[in-house]
Amino acid sequence: MDSGRWATFDCYGTLIDWNSGVSAALAGVFGPNADLPRLLHRYHQIEPEIQAERYRRYREVLDLCLAGLALDEGRVLGDDEAHALSESLAGWPAFPEVPDSLAELKRRGWSLAILSNCDRDLIAQSLPRLGVRFDRVIVAEDVGSYKPQPGHWNRFFELTDADQQRHVHVGASLFHDIAPAGEMGMPTVWVNRLGEMPEPVPDREIGDLSGLPQALEELMPA
């Protein structure tokens, strides 16, 4: 029986292996000997700057980020390279523990939603990799803004009868997810896949999703 508990999730970086997907695409453009950690670090700087300018579809954001990296590297992208990053998204894998962990949450009666900085057509290509049916999927294209702006959460509460006292947000990004959710008074679970230091401090911290069912039960008992 549905207990009325909701868990909302970021998708890319939390459920889908964003870094490995982007790294593979960048290696295809800049070559296997490229300094991928440096390029990824620079990408993480460029993307929020582009998203803060104005709303663009995420496909365009990805293309602009790749163009920005090419400019930094003194590269001129060929026509066959300009969309390499956005076109690669369909192949980005889920983290291996994700389907089983999500299935366990469904078994325990949790309702699940995705709140993603993405487009409808792009996330549709990723959802089958997650192994469960989500009760709601809300993307940036639906709200015309990107997290950490509150649009995703506002739309989630508009579209559901979720009780804010029975809701937990789960994400891997402190900037995009944990900080804004915490500021809005939501319990948070941080998936710290990269061994970072928490700022702000979440309500629970886990290394991957295998620990999520227990973390959620501690925060929100049935």
Protein backbone atom coordinates (compact mmCIF):
# COMPACT_ATOMS: atom_id res chain seq x y z
CA MET A 1 0.00 0.00 0.00
CA ASP A 2 1.30 3.48 -0.86
CA SER A 3 2.51 5.12 2.33
CA GLY A 4 2.36 8.61 0.84
CA ARG A 5 6.14 8.93 0.89
CA TRP A 6 7.84 10.58 -2.09
CA ALA A 7 11.49 10.52 -3.14
CA THR A 8 12.51 12.95 -5.88
CA PHE A 9 15.75 12.44 -7.77
CA ASP A 10 18.20 14.29 -9.88
CA CYS A 11 19.00 12.07 -12.86
CA TYR A 12 22.37 12.78 -14.49
CA GLY A 13 25.20 12.21 -12.03
CA THR A 14 22.83 10.60 -9.53
CA LEU A 15 21.15 7.79 -11.48
CA ILE A 16 22.89 8.03 -14.86
CA ASP A 17 26.70 8.06 -15.00
CA TRP A 18 27.11 11.61 -16.30
CA ASN A 19 30.90 11.82 -15.94
CA SER A 20 31.64 8.63 -17.84
CA GLY A 21 29.18 9.54 -20.59
CA VAL A 22 30.59 13.04 -21.04
CA SER A 23 34.17 11.79 -20.77
CA ALA A 24 33.63 9.26 -23.55
CA ALA A 25 32.12 11.93 -25.78
CA LEU A 26 34.96 14.37 -25.07
CA ALA A 27 37.54 11.67 -25.78
CA GLY A 28 35.87 11.13 -29.13
CA VAL A 29 36.24 14.82 -29.98
CA PHE A 30 39.57 15.76 -28.37
CA GLY A 31 41.29 12.38 -28.68
CA PRO A 32 42.12 9.55 -26.28
CA ASN A 33 45.15 11.41 -24.93
CA ALA A 34 43.17 14.50 -23.93
CA ASP A 35 43.33 15.61 -20.30
CA LEU A 36 39.77 14.50 -19.53
CA PRO A 37 39.75 15.44 -15.81
CA ARG A 38 40.75 19.00 -16.75
CA LEU A 39 38.13 19.17 -19.52
CA LEU A 40 35.44 17.85 -17.15
CA HIS A 41 36.39 20.40 -14.52
CA ARG A 42 36.13 23.17 -17.09
CA TYR A 43 32.80 21.80 -18.31
CA HIS A 44 31.38 22.05 -14.79
CA GLN A 45 32.38 25.72 -14.79
CA ILE A 46 30.92 26.52 -18.21
CA GLU A 47 27.55 24.77 -17.91
CA PRO A 48 26.04 26.77 -14.99
CA GLU A 49 27.22 30.01 -16.62
CA ILE A 50 25.33 29.16 -19.81
CA GLN A 51 22.25 27.99 -17.90
CA ALA A 52 22.21 31.22 -15.87
CA GLU A 53 22.17 33.45 -18.97
CA ARG A 54 18.65 32.50 -20.05
CA TYR A 55 16.66 29.33 -20.58
CA ARG A 56 17.84 27.25 -23.53
CA ARG A 57 16.98 23.64 -24.22
CA TYR A 58 19.51 21.31 -22.67
CA ARG A 59 20.54 19.97 -26.06
CA GLU A 60 21.67 23.50 -26.94
CA VAL A 61 23.41 23.89 -23.57
CA LEU A 62 25.43 20.73 -24.25
CA ASP A 63 26.37 21.95 -27.72
CA LEU A 64 27.41 25.37 -26.38
CA CYS A 65 29.50 23.77 -23.63
CA LEU A 66 31.32 21.65 -26.18
CA ALA A 67 31.92 24.72 -28.34
CA GLY A 68 33.28 26.55 -25.29
CA LEU A 69 35.68 23.72 -24.52
CA ALA A 70 36.83 23.67 -28.14
CA LEU A 71 37.46 27.42 -27.98
CA ASP A 72 39.55 26.94 -24.83
CA GLU A 73 41.54 24.23 -26.59
CA GLY A 74 42.06 26.23 -29.78
CA ARG A 75 39.97 23.77 -31.76
CA VAL A 76 37.49 24.40 -34.53
CA LEU A 77 34.77 21.77 -34.38
CA GLY A 78 33.84 20.04 -37.60
CA ASP A 79 30.21 19.71 -38.61
CA ASP A 80 30.31 16.07 -37.49
CA GLU A 81 31.60 17.08 -34.04
CA ALA A 82 29.41 20.05 -33.10
CA HIS A 83 26.61 17.89 -31.65
CA ALA A 84 28.78 15.01 -30.42
CA LEU A 85 28.02 15.63 -26.76
CA SER A 86 24.25 16.04 -27.01
CA GLU A 87 23.97 13.09 -29.37
CA SER A 88 25.94 10.89 -26.98
CA LEU A 89 23.48 11.27 -24.10
CA ALA A 90 21.27 8.40 -25.22
CA GLY A 91 24.15 6.02 -24.57
CA TRP A 92 25.11 7.21 -21.10
CA PRO A 93 24.79 4.24 -18.71
CA ALA A 94 22.98 3.99 -15.40
CA PHE A 95 25.16 3.34 -12.38
CA PRO A 96 25.08 -0.45 -11.83
CA GLU A 97 23.30 -0.43 -8.45
CA VAL A 98 20.55 1.95 -9.52
CA PRO A 99 17.85 -0.38 -10.94
CA ASP A 100 17.86 -2.72 -7.94
CA SER A 101 17.84 0.14 -5.42
CA LEU A 102 14.96 1.90 -7.16
CA ALA A 103 13.03 -1.37 -7.41
CA GLU A 104 13.47 -1.86 -3.65
CA LEU A 105 12.06 1.60 -2.99
CA LYS A 106 9.02 0.80 -5.11
CA ARG A 107 8.61 -2.48 -3.23
CA ARG A 108 8.57 -0.50 0.04
CA GLY A 109 5.82 1.76 -1.25
CA TRP A 110 7.75 4.90 -2.14
CA SER A 111 6.50 7.10 -4.97
CA LEU A 112 9.37 8.22 -7.20
CA ALA A 113 9.88 11.32 -9.32
CA ILE A 114 12.72 12.69 -11.43
CA LEU A 115 13.52 16.41 -11.40
CA SER A 116 16.13 16.85 -14.13
CA ASN A 117 17.95 19.67 -15.89
CA CYS A 118 17.16 18.10 -19.23
CA ASP A 119 14.78 18.00 -22.20
CA ARG A 120 11.80 15.69 -22.60
CA ASP A 121 13.18 13.89 -25.65
CA LEU A 122 16.61 13.41 -24.08
CA ILE A 123 15.44 11.99 -20.76
CA ALA A 124 13.08 9.64 -22.58
CA GLN A 125 16.19 7.92 -23.91
CA SER A 126 17.60 7.45 -20.40
CA LEU A 127 14.51 6.29 -18.50
CA PRO A 128 14.57 2.68 -19.78
CA ARG A 129 18.02 2.26 -18.24
CA LEU A 130 16.66 2.89 -14.74
CA GLY A 131 14.55 -0.25 -14.54
CA VAL A 132 11.42 1.17 -12.86
CA ARG A 133 8.49 3.36 -13.80
CA PHE A 134 8.65 6.81 -12.25
CA ASP A 135 5.43 8.37 -11.04
CA ARG A 136 6.46 11.83 -12.26
CA VAL A 137 9.20 13.16 -14.54
CA ILE A 138 9.75 16.93 -14.53
CA VAL A 139 12.48 18.47 -16.68
CA ALA A 140 13.84 21.94 -17.31
CA GLU A 141 11.91 22.10 -20.57
CA ASP A 142 8.67 21.84 -18.54
CA VAL A 143 9.45 24.77 -16.25
CA GLY A 144 11.69 26.98 -18.39
CA SER A 145 14.50 27.07 -15.84
CA TYR A 146 17.37 25.02 -14.44
CA LYS A 147 18.09 23.91 -10.94
CA PRO A 148 19.16 25.38 -8.51
CA GLN A 149 16.19 27.60 -9.41
CA PRO A 150 13.07 26.30 -7.61
CA GLY A 151 10.92 25.68 -10.70
CA HIS A 152 11.24 21.88 -10.71
CA TRP A 153 10.18 21.55 -7.05
CA ASN A 154 7.37 24.07 -7.43
CA ARG A 155 5.97 22.13 -10.41
CA PHE A 156 6.34 18.83 -8.55
CA PHE A 157 4.17 20.04 -5.67
CA GLU A 158 1.66 21.56 -8.12
CA LEU A 159 1.25 18.26 -9.98
CA THR A 160 1.13 15.88 -7.01
CA ASP A 161 -0.57 15.66 -3.65
CA ALA A 162 2.84 15.10 -2.06
CA ASP A 163 3.11 16.19 1.55
CA GLN A 164 6.25 18.24 2.08
CA GLN A 165 6.64 16.47 5.42
CA ARG A 166 6.72 13.09 3.62
CA HIS A 167 9.13 14.01 0.84
CA VAL A 168 12.92 13.58 0.48
CA HIS A 169 15.12 14.88 -2.33
CA VAL A 170 18.09 12.81 -3.55
CA GLY A 171 20.95 14.20 -5.61
CA ALA A 172 24.68 14.05 -6.29
CA SER A 173 25.16 17.79 -6.86
CA LEU A 174 25.46 20.03 -3.83
CA PHE A 175 24.99 23.12 -6.02
CA HIS A 176 22.06 21.98 -8.17
CA ASP A 177 20.16 19.82 -5.68
CA ILE A 178 21.20 19.57 -2.04
CA ALA A 179 21.63 23.29 -1.33
CA PRO A 180 18.37 24.51 -2.94
CA ALA A 181 16.29 21.62 -1.57
CA GLY A 182 17.67 22.25 1.90
CA GLU A 183 16.91 25.96 1.62
CA MET A 184 13.31 25.05 0.79
CA GLY A 185 13.10 22.98 3.97
CA MET A 186 13.25 19.52 2.37
CA PRO A 187 15.16 16.58 3.86
CA THR A 188 18.04 15.64 1.55
CA VAL A 189 20.16 12.61 0.76
CA TRP A 190 23.47 13.38 -0.92
CA VAL A 191 24.94 10.69 -3.17
CA ASN A 192 28.63 11.48 -2.75
CA ARG A 193 30.10 9.43 -5.57
CA LEU A 194 33.25 11.55 -5.88
CA GLY A 195 34.40 11.68 -2.25
CA GLU A 196 33.75 15.40 -1.89
CA MET A 197 33.34 17.45 1.27
CA PRO A 198 29.71 18.40 1.99
CA GLU A 199 28.79 22.07 1.93
CA PRO A 200 26.02 22.45 2.87
CA VAL A 201 25.69 19.34 5.01
CA PRO A 202 22.84 17.04 3.86
CA ASP A 203 20.56 15.11 6.17
CA ARG A 204 22.09 11.84 4.99
CA GLU A 205 25.18 11.02 2.91
CA ILE A 206 25.68 7.80 0.94
CA GLY A 207 28.39 6.65 -1.47
CA ASP A 208 26.01 5.16 -4.00
CA LEU A 209 22.35 4.21 -4.28
CA SER A 210 22.75 0.82 -2.62
CA GLY A 211 22.49 2.60 0.73
CA LEU A 212 19.46 4.66 -0.25
CA PRO A 213 16.60 2.42 0.94
CA GLN A 214 18.01 2.36 4.48
CA ALA A 215 18.78 6.11 4.44
CA LEU A 216 15.26 6.95 3.36
CA GLU A 217 13.70 4.66 5.97
CA GLU A 218 15.73 6.42 8.67
CA LEU A 219 14.61 9.84 7.47
CA MET A 220 10.99 8.92 6.73
CA PRO A 221 9.76 5.76 8.48
CA ALA A 222 6.66 4.13 7.02
